[in-house]
Amino acid sequence: MADGFARLTNKPQAVIVHVDVGTQALGPAIHNASCGRAPVLIFAGLSPYTLEGETRGSRTEFIHWLQDVPDQKAIVSQYCRYTSEIKTGKNIKQLVNRALQFATSDPKGPVYLTGAREVMEEELEPYQISQEQWSRVITGPLPVPAVEEIANALVDAELPMVVTGFTGRHQDSVAELVQLADQIKGLRVYDAGTTEMSFPFNHRASVNPTWGAGMWLEKADVIVVLDCDVPWIPTQRKPRADAKIFHIDVDPLKAQMSLFYIAAIARYRADSCAALVQLNEYLASDRALLQKLDDPLYSQRWTNLGDIHDKNIKSSAVKAAPPSGGDNAPVNIAYLSARIRSCLPAETIYATEAVTNHVRMMEQLQPSLPGTSFTKGAGGLGWGCGAALGMKLAKPDAFICCITGDGSFIFSQPTAVYWVSAHYSLPTITVVLNNGGWVAPRVSAKHVNPGGLAQRATAEELGIGFGELPPDYGAVAEAAGRGRIWKARIQTTGDVDRVLTQAVEMVKGGKGAVIDVLLG
């Protein structure tokens, strides 16, 4: 929940967990928050450090001995921007504010504080600090020479491209990136991360994996990598050897990754929104560049982009056509995703965790409004359902939809999620993509050994399938919500619109909805 709230609003959230065991339970969640740059402050207690009653808060329970671990911070420190122990209450405000400075300064992320019970029981004289003196560190713009170099390179390029990933975390950046694409007609923009909606699908410059992004990446002669952790996978597709690559990022060295490099000729630690503003202002004021951009060549490129985009939209629509077989046909991900986009409100905010269905799902959802599409920051499954509740808490009037795989749903702690949803009146739609288990391990094995044993083995043999009697996901949510969660199952194409429409009405009426979709 805290991750979803923080990602949607960029406002830090607080999480309290129980000593070492609660810290361990954070597991995948803190990994996602770290890679997703979610500003979250985590506080955990420590076992008391006295045992004979020397001070108030001394040990009183059997478990205090067993939870006294050598280095509790080490459990999560590699995922945190800052860790520390509160050793006295006399400077607790300063220590908490220092932690929040790390959490909210780029690259944002989780911070972790601990404190023993004796410290929490300490009596203090009230004191004040000047809160305005504890602001975050501001990430700067591009150096002036870099603005000129990058702008000229993009204008002079035959096939310029921007590859982005999490630029949309600052929603103002999306409009600036659109303006850049509008000014440099022929520029293509590839959102390689889609962790936040960073460039609208409905813009003619937009490309994605199913719209030839890999092909255009290989052809591009000038590439700007803008806030992106994995702009390409070299074993699959990569830029041509003579491509001129510029890297602009809040963390261009990827300090928390053991291995990362791209063949950039220049790297800049800069705020992406500020950098885009600089580029747009330079392009609008430089007479020589304006004269170049007025050449009919750029108008033709603009027309070509529009023609190709129209073809891509039509191609995606063909994929989303009702499957042959009428109402009794099995449901596929393209048709389902297109119908979700059609049946749900246009301003719906999506928290998605579709894993192997992600690319095909996004092709049909086609998010085009800033702040309306998020996915987990990294590989920790179970993010989506709780994140959707955090987004609903952050924006109570918003319509929130979580689309998650069945394996991810199991990892999401659904009993807690849907009790919280019902108890605190946070209705959302959850769409469970039921493909009978975890498909990703088989896909990963195929990348390494395409004809290997894993491709011939059954899901049950690999231990990644749920067999003939998978969990009843809707019933789990219904039980946790004590009658305040509506459940439904989509088994065939004919069920799709009816169930989605009912679910929308349920949520608008204040009830959460969980839809179990059997994918064919």
Protein backbone atom coordinates (compact mmCIF):
# COMPACT_ATOMS: atom_id res chain seq x y z
CA MET A 1 0.00 0.00 0.00
CA ALA A 2 2.76 2.43 0.95
CA ASP A 3 4.55 1.76 -2.34
CA GLY A 4 1.42 2.46 -4.38
CA PHE A 5 0.60 5.64 -2.45
CA ALA A 6 4.17 6.92 -2.74
CA ARG A 7 4.52 6.05 -6.43
CA LEU A 8 1.28 7.83 -7.33
CA THR A 9 1.89 10.97 -5.28
CA ASN A 10 5.69 11.18 -4.84
CA LYS A 11 4.95 11.77 -1.15
CA PRO A 12 6.87 9.65 1.38
CA GLN A 13 4.95 7.05 3.34
CA ALA A 14 5.72 5.32 6.65
CA VAL A 15 5.66 1.60 7.42
CA ILE A 16 6.11 0.03 10.87
CA VAL A 17 7.18 -3.61 11.19
CA HIS A 18 7.98 -5.91 14.11
CA VAL A 19 11.71 -6.28 14.79
CA ASP A 20 13.70 -8.79 12.68
CA VAL A 21 10.82 -11.03 11.63
CA GLY A 22 8.71 -8.15 10.37
CA THR A 23 11.75 -6.82 8.53
CA GLN A 24 12.24 -10.19 6.84
CA ALA A 25 8.58 -10.21 5.82
CA LEU A 26 9.19 -7.05 3.77
CA GLY A 27 11.20 -9.22 1.33
CA PRO A 28 9.92 -8.64 -2.23
CA ALA A 29 8.16 -5.41 -1.22
CA ILE A 30 11.35 -3.56 -0.27
CA HIS A 31 13.05 -4.85 -3.42
CA ASN A 32 10.21 -3.39 -5.51
CA ALA A 33 10.26 -0.11 -3.57
CA SER A 34 14.00 0.23 -4.02
CA CYS A 35 14.02 -0.37 -7.78
CA GLY A 36 10.76 1.53 -8.21
CA ARG A 37 12.19 4.55 -6.35
CA ALA A 38 9.29 4.69 -3.89
CA PRO A 39 10.01 7.08 -0.98
CA VAL A 40 9.10 4.95 2.05
CA LEU A 41 10.31 5.24 5.65
CA ILE A 42 10.37 1.91 7.48
CA PHE A 43 10.65 1.68 11.25
CA ALA A 44 11.34 -1.54 13.14
CA GLY A 45 11.86 -2.15 16.81
CA LEU A 46 14.89 -3.90 18.29
CA SER A 47 14.99 -6.40 21.12
CA PRO A 48 15.56 -4.58 24.40
CA TYR A 49 19.25 -4.20 25.25
CA THR A 50 18.82 -4.61 29.04
CA LEU A 51 17.43 -7.67 30.83
CA GLU A 52 17.43 -6.99 34.59
CA GLY A 53 15.11 -4.01 34.68
CA GLU A 54 17.92 -1.48 34.61
CA THR A 55 15.69 0.93 32.72
CA ARG A 56 12.10 1.12 31.59
CA GLY A 57 11.59 -1.06 28.53
CA SER A 58 13.89 -3.86 29.68
CA ARG A 59 13.21 -7.43 28.52
CA THR A 60 9.99 -8.95 29.77
CA GLU A 61 9.20 -11.75 27.32
CA PHE A 62 10.77 -15.03 26.16
CA ILE A 63 10.92 -13.86 22.53
CA HIS A 64 13.17 -10.90 23.34
CA TRP A 65 16.16 -13.26 23.50
CA LEU A 66 15.37 -15.07 20.25
CA GLN A 67 14.86 -11.84 18.26
CA ASP A 68 18.16 -10.34 19.39
CA VAL A 69 20.05 -10.70 16.08
CA PRO A 70 23.60 -9.41 15.47
CA ASP A 71 22.79 -6.89 12.73
CA GLN A 72 19.11 -6.35 12.00
CA LYS A 73 19.75 -3.50 9.53
CA ALA A 74 21.79 -5.86 7.35
CA ILE A 75 18.61 -7.74 6.41
CA VAL A 76 17.51 -4.84 4.18
CA SER A 77 20.43 -2.41 3.96
CA GLN A 78 21.34 -3.24 0.34
CA TYR A 79 17.85 -2.15 -0.74
CA CYS A 80 17.82 1.08 1.26
CA ARG A 81 19.11 4.58 0.59
CA TYR A 82 19.88 4.95 4.31
CA THR A 83 19.76 2.85 7.47
CA SER A 84 20.34 3.90 11.07
CA GLU A 85 19.48 3.15 14.66
CA ILE A 86 17.69 5.65 16.90
CA LYS A 87 19.86 5.60 20.04
CA THR A 88 18.21 8.41 21.97
CA GLY A 89 15.00 10.34 21.82
CA LYS A 90 16.85 13.61 22.25
CA ASN A 91 17.61 13.91 18.52
CA ILE A 92 14.88 11.69 17.11
CA LYS A 93 13.34 14.47 15.01
CA GLN A 94 16.66 15.17 13.34
CA LEU A 95 17.30 11.49 12.63
CA VAL A 96 13.85 10.91 11.14
CA ASN A 97 14.18 14.00 8.98
CA ARG A 98 17.63 12.89 7.81
CA ALA A 99 16.14 9.57 6.78
CA LEU A 100 13.34 11.34 4.92
CA GLN A 101 15.88 13.47 3.09
CA PHE A 102 17.44 10.31 1.70
CA ALA A 103 14.03 8.81 0.88
CA THR A 104 12.88 11.86 -1.08
CA SER A 105 16.15 12.87 -2.77
CA ASP A 106 16.97 11.31 -6.15
CA PRO A 107 17.29 8.46 -6.58
CA LYS A 108 14.34 8.12 -4.20
CA GLY A 109 13.76 4.92 -2.30
CA PRO A 110 13.18 3.21 1.04
CA VAL A 111 15.01 4.07 4.25
CA TYR A 112 15.12 1.99 7.41
CA LEU A 113 15.30 3.04 11.06
CA THR A 114 15.41 0.88 14.17
CA GLY A 115 15.05 1.58 17.86
CA ALA A 116 15.08 -0.50 21.03
CA ARG A 117 12.23 -0.38 23.51
CA GLU A 118 14.30 1.45 26.11
CA VAL A 119 14.77 4.32 23.66
CA MET A 120 11.08 4.39 22.80
CA GLU A 121 10.28 4.64 26.53
CA GLU A 122 12.71 7.50 27.13
CA GLU A 123 11.17 10.64 28.69
CA LEU A 124 11.92 13.88 26.84
CA GLU A 125 11.53 17.58 27.28
CA PRO A 126 9.51 18.84 24.29
CA TYR A 127 11.62 20.54 21.64
CA GLN A 128 11.13 22.08 18.21
CA ILE A 129 13.10 22.06 14.96
CA SER A 130 12.71 24.20 11.84
CA GLN A 131 11.10 21.77 9.41
CA GLU A 132 11.88 23.96 6.39
CA GLN A 133 15.58 23.27 6.98
CA TRP A 134 15.13 19.57 6.19
CA SER A 135 14.13 19.68 2.53
CA ARG A 136 15.28 17.09 0.00
CA VAL A 137 18.36 17.55 -2.16
CA ILE A 138 17.45 19.08 -5.52
CA THR A 139 18.73 17.27 -8.60
CA GLY A 140 20.15 19.78 -11.08
CA PRO A 141 19.60 20.37 -14.79
CA LEU A 142 21.93 19.55 -17.69
CA PRO A 143 25.12 21.54 -18.20
CA VAL A 144 24.53 24.24 -20.84
CA PRO A 145 27.00 22.73 -23.37
CA ALA A 146 25.22 19.37 -23.08
CA VAL A 147 21.87 20.96 -23.98
CA GLU A 148 23.33 22.35 -27.19
CA GLU A 149 25.10 19.10 -28.10
CA ILE A 150 22.10 16.84 -27.49
CA ALA A 151 19.62 19.15 -29.22
CA ASN A 152 21.80 19.46 -32.32
CA ALA A 153 22.45 15.71 -32.41
CA LEU A 154 18.73 14.90 -32.29
CA VAL A 155 17.85 17.44 -35.00
CA ASP A 156 20.67 16.32 -37.30
CA ALA A 157 19.93 12.61 -36.86
CA GLU A 158 18.28 10.56 -39.58
CA LEU A 159 16.54 8.26 -37.08
CA PRO A 160 16.55 9.88 -33.61
CA MET A 161 15.10 8.02 -30.64
CA VAL A 162 14.42 8.53 -26.94
CA VAL A 163 14.35 5.43 -24.73
CA THR A 164 12.71 6.09 -21.39
CA GLY A 165 11.66 4.01 -18.42
CA PHE A 166 10.54 5.89 -15.31
CA THR A 167 10.45 9.51 -16.50
CA GLY A 168 6.70 9.53 -15.82
CA ARG A 169 7.28 9.41 -12.06
CA HIS A 170 7.25 13.20 -12.43
CA GLN A 171 4.04 13.67 -14.36
CA ASP A 172 5.12 17.06 -15.75
CA SER A 173 7.91 15.24 -17.60
CA VAL A 174 5.38 13.54 -19.86
CA ALA A 175 4.18 16.82 -21.36
CA GLU A 176 7.79 17.97 -21.86
CA LEU A 177 8.68 14.73 -23.64
CA VAL A 178 5.61 15.12 -25.86
CA GLN A 179 6.71 18.67 -26.67
CA LEU A 180 10.16 17.40 -27.63
CA ALA A 181 8.62 14.83 -29.98
CA ASP A 182 6.36 17.50 -31.45
CA GLN A 183 9.30 19.82 -32.12
CA ILE A 184 11.68 17.22 -33.59
CA LYS A 185 9.37 15.65 -36.12
CA GLY A 186 10.56 12.11 -36.78
CA LEU A 187 11.75 11.46 -33.23
CA ARG A 188 10.53 8.11 -31.87
CA VAL A 189 9.94 7.46 -28.16
CA TYR A 190 10.16 3.99 -26.67
CA ASP A 191 8.97 3.47 -23.08
CA ALA A 192 11.14 0.47 -22.24
CA GLY A 193 10.20 0.29 -18.58
CA THR A 194 6.47 1.11 -18.37
CA THR A 195 6.85 1.20 -14.57
CA GLU A 196 5.13 4.58 -14.89
CA MET A 197 3.35 5.92 -17.96
CA SER A 198 6.15 8.01 -19.46
CA PHE A 199 4.90 8.64 -23.00
CA PRO A 200 1.35 8.39 -24.36
CA PHE A 201 0.50 5.44 -26.57
CA ASN A 202 -1.79 7.66 -28.64
CA HIS A 203 1.08 9.90 -29.80
CA ARG A 204 2.38 9.16 -33.27
CA ALA A 205 5.98 9.02 -31.99
CA SER A 206 5.17 6.15 -29.62
CA VAL A 207 6.68 2.73 -30.25
CA ASN A 208 6.62 -0.41 -28.11
CA PRO A 209 7.84 -4.01 -28.46
CA THR A 210 4.87 -5.04 -30.59
CA TRP A 211 5.11 -1.89 -32.70
CA GLY A 212 8.68 -2.42 -33.85
CA ALA A 213 10.57 -0.77 -30.99
CA GLY A 214 13.43 -3.25 -31.30
CA MET A 215 13.77 -2.66 -35.03
CA TRP A 216 13.83 1.13 -34.61
CA LEU A 217 16.33 0.78 -31.76
CA GLU A 218 18.70 -1.11 -34.05
CA LYS A 219 18.33 1.50 -36.80
CA ALA A 220 18.56 4.68 -34.68
CA ASP A 221 21.68 6.79 -35.20
CA VAL A 222 21.14 9.05 -32.17
CA ILE A 223 19.61 7.75 -28.93
CA VAL A 224 18.87 9.59 -25.69
CA VAL A 225 18.41 7.18 -22.79
CA LEU A 226 16.26 9.06 -20.29
CA ASP A 227 15.68 7.65 -16.79
CA CYS A 228 15.82 4.00 -17.75
CA ASP A 229 17.24 0.98 -15.93
CA VAL A 230 17.16 -1.51 -18.82
CA PRO A 231 16.98 0.39 -22.13
CA TRP A 232 17.70 -2.79 -24.09
CA ILE A 233 18.84 -6.40 -23.58
CA PRO A 234 21.99 -6.85 -25.69
CA THR A 235 21.45 -10.59 -26.17
CA GLN A 236 18.12 -9.79 -27.85
CA ARG A 237 18.29 -6.33 -29.48
CA LYS A 238 20.80 -3.50 -29.23
CA PRO A 239 21.74 -0.24 -30.98
CA ARG A 240 24.01 -0.24 -33.99
CA ALA A 241 27.73 0.10 -33.25
CA ASP A 242 28.02 3.67 -34.54
CA ALA A 243 24.94 5.02 -32.75
CA LYS A 244 25.58 8.18 -30.76
CA ILE A 245 24.08 7.57 -27.31
CA PHE A 246 23.49 10.14 -24.54
CA HIS A 247 22.46 8.99 -21.07
CA ILE A 248 20.45 11.31 -18.78
CA ASP A 249 19.38 9.81 -15.45
CA VAL A 250 19.05 10.58 -11.75
CA ASP A 251 21.41 7.62 -11.26
CA PRO A 252 23.33 7.03 -14.51
CA LEU A 253 25.87 4.70 -12.89
CA LYS A 254 23.12 2.54 -11.31
CA ALA A 255 24.96 2.44 -8.02
CA GLN A 256 22.93 -0.46 -6.63
CA MET A 257 23.54 -2.72 -9.62
CA SER A 258 26.71 -4.80 -9.67
CA LEU A 259 26.74 -4.84 -13.48
CA PHE A 260 25.44 -2.07 -15.71
CA TYR A 261 26.85 -0.23 -18.71
CA ILE A 262 25.75 1.13 -22.05
CA ALA A 263 27.92 2.54 -24.84
CA ALA A 264 27.07 6.19 -24.18
CA ILE A 265 29.36 8.98 -25.36
CA ALA A 266 28.17 11.17 -22.46
CA ARG A 267 26.40 10.60 -19.16
CA TYR A 268 24.63 13.22 -17.07
CA ARG A 269 23.20 13.01 -13.56
CA ALA A 270 20.24 15.33 -14.01
CA ASP A 271 16.53 15.75 -13.38
CA SER A 272 14.78 14.50 -16.51
CA CYS A 273 12.00 17.08 -16.39
CA ALA A 274 14.49 19.93 -16.03
CA ALA A 275 16.57 18.47 -18.87
CA LEU A 276 13.55 18.23 -21.15
CA VAL A 277 12.54 21.82 -20.36
CA GLN A 278 16.07 22.92 -21.26
CA LEU A 279 16.03 21.03 -24.56
CA ASN A 280 12.60 22.37 -25.50
CA GLU A 281 13.55 25.95 -24.69
CA TYR A 282 16.79 25.67 -26.64
CA LEU A 283 15.02 24.22 -29.68
CA ALA A 284 12.41 26.98 -29.59
CA SER A 285 14.99 29.76 -29.38
CA ASP A 286 17.86 28.67 -31.64
CA ARG A 287 17.34 30.20 -35.08
CA ALA A 288 19.60 27.76 -36.90
CA LEU A 289 17.76 24.74 -35.50
CA LEU A 290 14.36 26.31 -36.15
CA GLN A 291 15.37 26.85 -39.76
CA LYS A 292 16.43 23.21 -40.09
CA LEU A 293 13.21 21.96 -38.51
CA ASP A 294 11.23 24.03 -40.99
CA ASP A 295 12.60 21.91 -43.85
CA PRO A 296 9.94 19.79 -45.64
CA LEU A 297 12.01 16.71 -44.72
CA TYR A 298 10.72 16.95 -41.14
CA SER A 299 7.13 17.40 -42.27
CA GLN A 300 7.48 14.22 -44.30
CA ARG A 301 8.92 12.39 -41.30
CA TRP A 302 5.95 13.58 -39.24
CA THR A 303 3.54 12.26 -41.85
CA ASN A 304 5.39 8.95 -41.96
CA LEU A 305 5.20 8.65 -38.19
CA GLY A 306 1.45 9.21 -38.34
CA ASP A 307 0.96 6.61 -41.06
CA ILE A 308 2.99 4.01 -39.19
CA HIS A 309 1.22 4.77 -35.91
CA ASP A 310 -2.18 4.40 -37.57
CA LYS A 311 -1.12 1.02 -38.96
CA ASN A 312 0.09 -0.08 -35.53
CA ILE A 313 -3.19 0.93 -33.90
CA LYS A 314 -5.12 -1.01 -36.56
CA SER A 315 -2.84 -4.03 -36.14
CA SER A 316 -3.44 -4.01 -32.39
CA ALA A 317 -7.19 -3.74 -32.98
CA VAL A 318 -7.06 -6.84 -35.19
CA LYS A 319 -5.33 -8.77 -32.40
CA ALA A 320 -8.07 -7.65 -30.00
CA ALA A 321 -10.93 -8.80 -32.22
CA PRO A 322 -13.40 -11.26 -30.66
CA PRO A 323 -11.93 -14.77 -30.90
CA SER A 324 -13.49 -17.11 -33.42
CA GLY A 325 -16.11 -19.33 -31.86
CA GLY A 326 -18.51 -16.66 -30.69
CA ASP A 327 -19.56 -16.20 -27.07
CA ASN A 328 -18.28 -19.64 -26.09
CA ALA A 329 -14.73 -18.98 -27.30
CA PRO A 330 -11.94 -18.96 -24.72
CA VAL A 331 -10.65 -15.56 -23.60
CA ASN A 332 -7.25 -14.31 -24.78
CA ILE A 333 -5.21 -11.49 -23.22
CA ALA A 334 -5.50 -9.12 -26.20
CA TYR A 335 -9.30 -9.26 -26.32
CA LEU A 336 -9.64 -9.03 -22.53
CA SER A 337 -7.28 -6.04 -22.23
CA ALA A 338 -9.04 -4.16 -25.01
CA ARG A 339 -12.41 -4.73 -23.38
CA ILE A 340 -11.05 -3.56 -20.00
CA ARG A 341 -9.94 -0.33 -21.68
CA SER A 342 -13.38 0.04 -23.25
CA CYS A 343 -15.54 -0.89 -20.24
CA LEU A 344 -13.66 0.92 -17.48
CA PRO A 345 -13.66 4.73 -17.11
CA ALA A 346 -11.17 6.53 -19.36
CA GLU A 347 -9.34 8.05 -16.39
CA THR A 348 -8.84 4.68 -14.62
CA ILE A 349 -5.52 4.29 -12.80
CA TYR A 350 -3.99 0.87 -13.42
CA ALA A 351 -1.68 -1.07 -11.10
CA THR A 352 -0.53 -3.96 -13.26
CA GLU A 353 1.43 -7.10 -12.53
CA ALA A 354 0.81 -9.27 -15.57
CA VAL A 355 4.39 -10.63 -15.94
CA THR A 356 4.41 -12.80 -19.12
CA ASN A 357 1.23 -11.11 -20.36
CA HIS A 358 2.54 -7.59 -19.71
CA VAL A 359 3.59 -6.56 -23.22
CA ARG A 360 0.42 -7.82 -24.91
CA MET A 361 -1.72 -6.29 -22.17
CA MET A 362 -0.09 -2.86 -22.46
CA GLU A 363 -0.48 -2.93 -26.24
CA GLN A 364 -4.25 -2.99 -25.70
CA LEU A 365 -4.59 -0.81 -22.57
CA GLN A 366 -2.63 1.91 -24.43
CA PRO A 367 -2.20 4.26 -21.42
CA SER A 368 -1.97 7.87 -22.58
CA LEU A 369 -2.64 10.01 -19.50
CA PRO A 370 0.15 10.84 -17.03
CA GLY A 371 -0.19 9.10 -13.69
CA THR A 372 -2.61 6.42 -14.89
CA SER A 373 -0.42 3.34 -15.32
CA PHE A 374 2.06 1.76 -12.89
CA THR A 375 3.70 -1.62 -12.49
CA LYS A 376 5.97 -3.05 -9.85
CA GLY A 377 9.47 -1.63 -9.60
CA ALA A 378 11.26 -4.98 -9.84
CA GLY A 379 10.68 -8.73 -9.65
CA GLY A 380 8.93 -9.13 -6.31
CA LEU A 381 5.57 -10.74 -7.07
CA GLY A 382 2.53 -9.72 -5.05
CA TRP A 383 2.81 -5.94 -5.51
CA GLY A 384 -0.33 -5.08 -7.48
CA CYS A 385 -3.26 -5.76 -5.15
CA GLY A 386 -1.83 -3.86 -2.19
CA ALA A 387 -0.46 -1.07 -4.39
CA ALA A 388 -3.94 -0.54 -5.82
CA LEU A 389 -5.28 0.02 -2.30
CA GLY A 390 -2.53 2.56 -1.63
CA MET A 391 -3.47 4.42 -4.80
CA LYS A 392 -7.13 4.41 -3.77
CA LEU A 393 -6.16 5.76 -0.36
CA ALA A 394 -4.10 8.49 -2.04
CA LYS A 395 -6.90 9.42 -4.45
CA PRO A 396 -10.24 8.34 -2.95
CA ASP A 397 -12.26 9.64 -5.88
CA ALA A 398 -10.15 7.85 -8.50
CA PHE A 399 -11.19 4.61 -10.18
CA ILE A 400 -8.45 2.03 -9.55
CA CYS A 401 -7.94 -1.27 -11.36
CA CYS A 402 -5.37 -3.93 -10.51
CA ILE A 403 -4.54 -6.47 -13.22
CA THR A 404 -2.49 -9.30 -11.81
CA GLY A 405 -1.40 -12.81 -12.67
CA ASP A 406 -2.78 -15.70 -10.64
CA GLY A 407 0.66 -16.49 -9.21
CA SER A 408 1.14 -12.86 -8.23
CA PHE A 409 -2.32 -12.83 -6.62
CA ILE A 410 -1.30 -15.72 -4.36
CA PHE A 411 1.81 -13.81 -3.26
CA SER A 412 -0.14 -10.59 -2.58
CA GLN A 413 -1.44 -11.64 0.89
CA PRO A 414 -5.03 -11.47 -0.42
CA THR A 415 -6.61 -12.11 2.98
CA ALA A 416 -5.03 -8.94 4.33
CA VAL A 417 -5.59 -6.97 1.11
CA TYR A 418 -9.32 -7.57 0.84
CA TRP A 419 -10.00 -7.24 4.55
CA VAL A 420 -8.31 -3.81 4.40
CA SER A 421 -10.23 -2.96 1.23
CA ALA A 422 -13.56 -3.73 2.91
CA HIS A 423 -12.76 -2.41 6.39
CA TYR A 424 -11.43 0.95 5.21
CA SER A 425 -13.84 1.35 2.27
CA LEU A 426 -11.20 1.24 -0.48
CA PRO A 427 -13.06 -0.40 -3.36
CA THR A 428 -11.02 -1.37 -6.43
CA ILE A 429 -11.36 -3.81 -9.32
CA THR A 430 -8.92 -6.72 -9.36
CA VAL A 431 -8.65 -8.73 -12.57
CA VAL A 432 -6.85 -12.04 -12.02
CA LEU A 433 -5.24 -13.40 -15.20
CA ASN A 434 -5.69 -17.11 -14.54
CA ASN A 435 -3.31 -19.07 -16.75
CA GLY A 436 -2.91 -21.93 -14.30
CA GLY A 437 0.35 -21.09 -12.59
CA TRP A 438 3.71 -19.38 -13.06
CA VAL A 439 4.61 -19.24 -16.76
CA ALA A 440 7.69 -17.02 -16.37
CA PRO A 441 10.12 -19.82 -15.32
CA ARG A 442 9.40 -21.71 -18.55
CA VAL A 443 9.94 -18.53 -20.59
CA SER A 444 13.25 -17.86 -18.82
CA ALA A 445 14.42 -21.41 -19.50
CA LYS A 446 13.49 -21.03 -23.17
CA HIS A 447 15.79 -18.02 -23.55
CA VAL A 448 18.76 -20.19 -22.56
CA ASN A 449 17.72 -23.62 -23.87
CA PRO A 450 14.98 -23.22 -26.53
CA GLY A 451 14.75 -26.96 -27.14
CA GLY A 452 15.49 -28.05 -23.60
CA LEU A 453 13.63 -30.41 -21.33
CA ALA A 454 11.80 -27.55 -19.62
CA GLN A 455 9.93 -26.81 -22.85
CA ARG A 456 8.63 -30.38 -23.09
CA ALA A 457 7.81 -30.91 -19.43
CA THR A 458 4.34 -30.25 -18.06
CA ALA A 459 3.70 -27.38 -15.64
CA GLU A 460 3.10 -29.92 -12.88
CA GLU A 461 6.42 -31.65 -13.62
CA LEU A 462 8.19 -28.29 -13.32
CA GLY A 463 6.30 -27.40 -10.16
CA ILE A 464 4.87 -24.22 -11.70
CA GLY A 465 1.26 -25.28 -12.34
CA PHE A 466 -1.85 -25.34 -10.15
CA GLY A 467 -3.34 -28.48 -11.68
CA GLU A 468 -7.01 -29.14 -12.25
CA LEU A 469 -8.17 -27.53 -8.99
CA PRO A 470 -6.54 -24.10 -8.69
CA PRO A 471 -7.55 -21.74 -5.87
CA ASP A 472 -10.85 -19.94 -6.13
CA TYR A 473 -9.39 -16.44 -6.08
CA GLY A 474 -12.71 -14.63 -5.88
CA ALA A 475 -13.81 -16.76 -2.93
CA VAL A 476 -10.61 -15.92 -1.05
CA ALA A 477 -11.31 -12.20 -1.47
CA GLU A 478 -15.01 -12.59 -0.69
CA ALA A 479 -14.24 -14.41 2.56
CA ALA A 480 -11.69 -11.81 3.63
CA GLY A 481 -14.09 -8.97 2.83
CA ARG A 482 -16.96 -10.54 4.81
CA GLY A 483 -19.52 -9.86 2.11
CA ARG A 484 -18.14 -6.48 1.04
CA ILE A 485 -16.16 -7.85 -1.91
CA TRP A 486 -18.03 -8.92 -5.05
CA LYS A 487 -16.61 -11.88 -6.97
CA ALA A 488 -17.14 -13.11 -10.51
CA ARG A 489 -15.55 -15.48 -12.99
CA ILE A 490 -15.03 -14.98 -16.71
CA GLN A 491 -14.83 -18.32 -18.49
CA THR A 492 -15.67 -17.41 -22.10
CA THR A 493 -15.68 -14.39 -24.39
CA GLY A 494 -19.40 -13.93 -23.86
CA ASP A 495 -18.86 -13.24 -20.15
CA VAL A 496 -16.35 -10.41 -20.59
CA ASP A 497 -18.38 -7.25 -21.14
CA ARG A 498 -21.19 -8.30 -18.81
CA VAL A 499 -18.87 -9.04 -15.88
CA LEU A 500 -16.67 -5.99 -16.41
CA THR A 501 -19.72 -3.71 -16.55
CA GLN A 502 -21.12 -5.24 -13.36
CA ALA A 503 -17.77 -4.84 -11.63
CA VAL A 504 -17.60 -1.15 -12.52
CA GLU A 505 -21.04 -0.61 -11.02
CA MET A 506 -20.07 -2.50 -7.89
CA VAL A 507 -16.99 -0.35 -7.34
CA LYS A 508 -18.89 2.85 -8.03
CA GLY A 509 -21.38 1.67 -5.40
CA GLY A 510 -18.62 1.23 -2.82
CA LYS A 511 -17.91 -2.51 -3.09
CA GLY A 512 -14.62 -4.03 -4.20
CA ALA A 513 -14.66 -6.50 -7.09
CA VAL A 514 -12.42 -9.47 -7.90
CA ILE A 515 -12.72 -11.10 -11.32
CA ASP A 516 -11.13 -14.47 -12.01
CA VAL A 517 -10.47 -14.67 -15.77
CA LEU A 518 -9.72 -18.11 -17.25
CA LEU A 519 -7.31 -17.45 -20.12
CA GLY A 520 -7.41 -19.86 -23.03
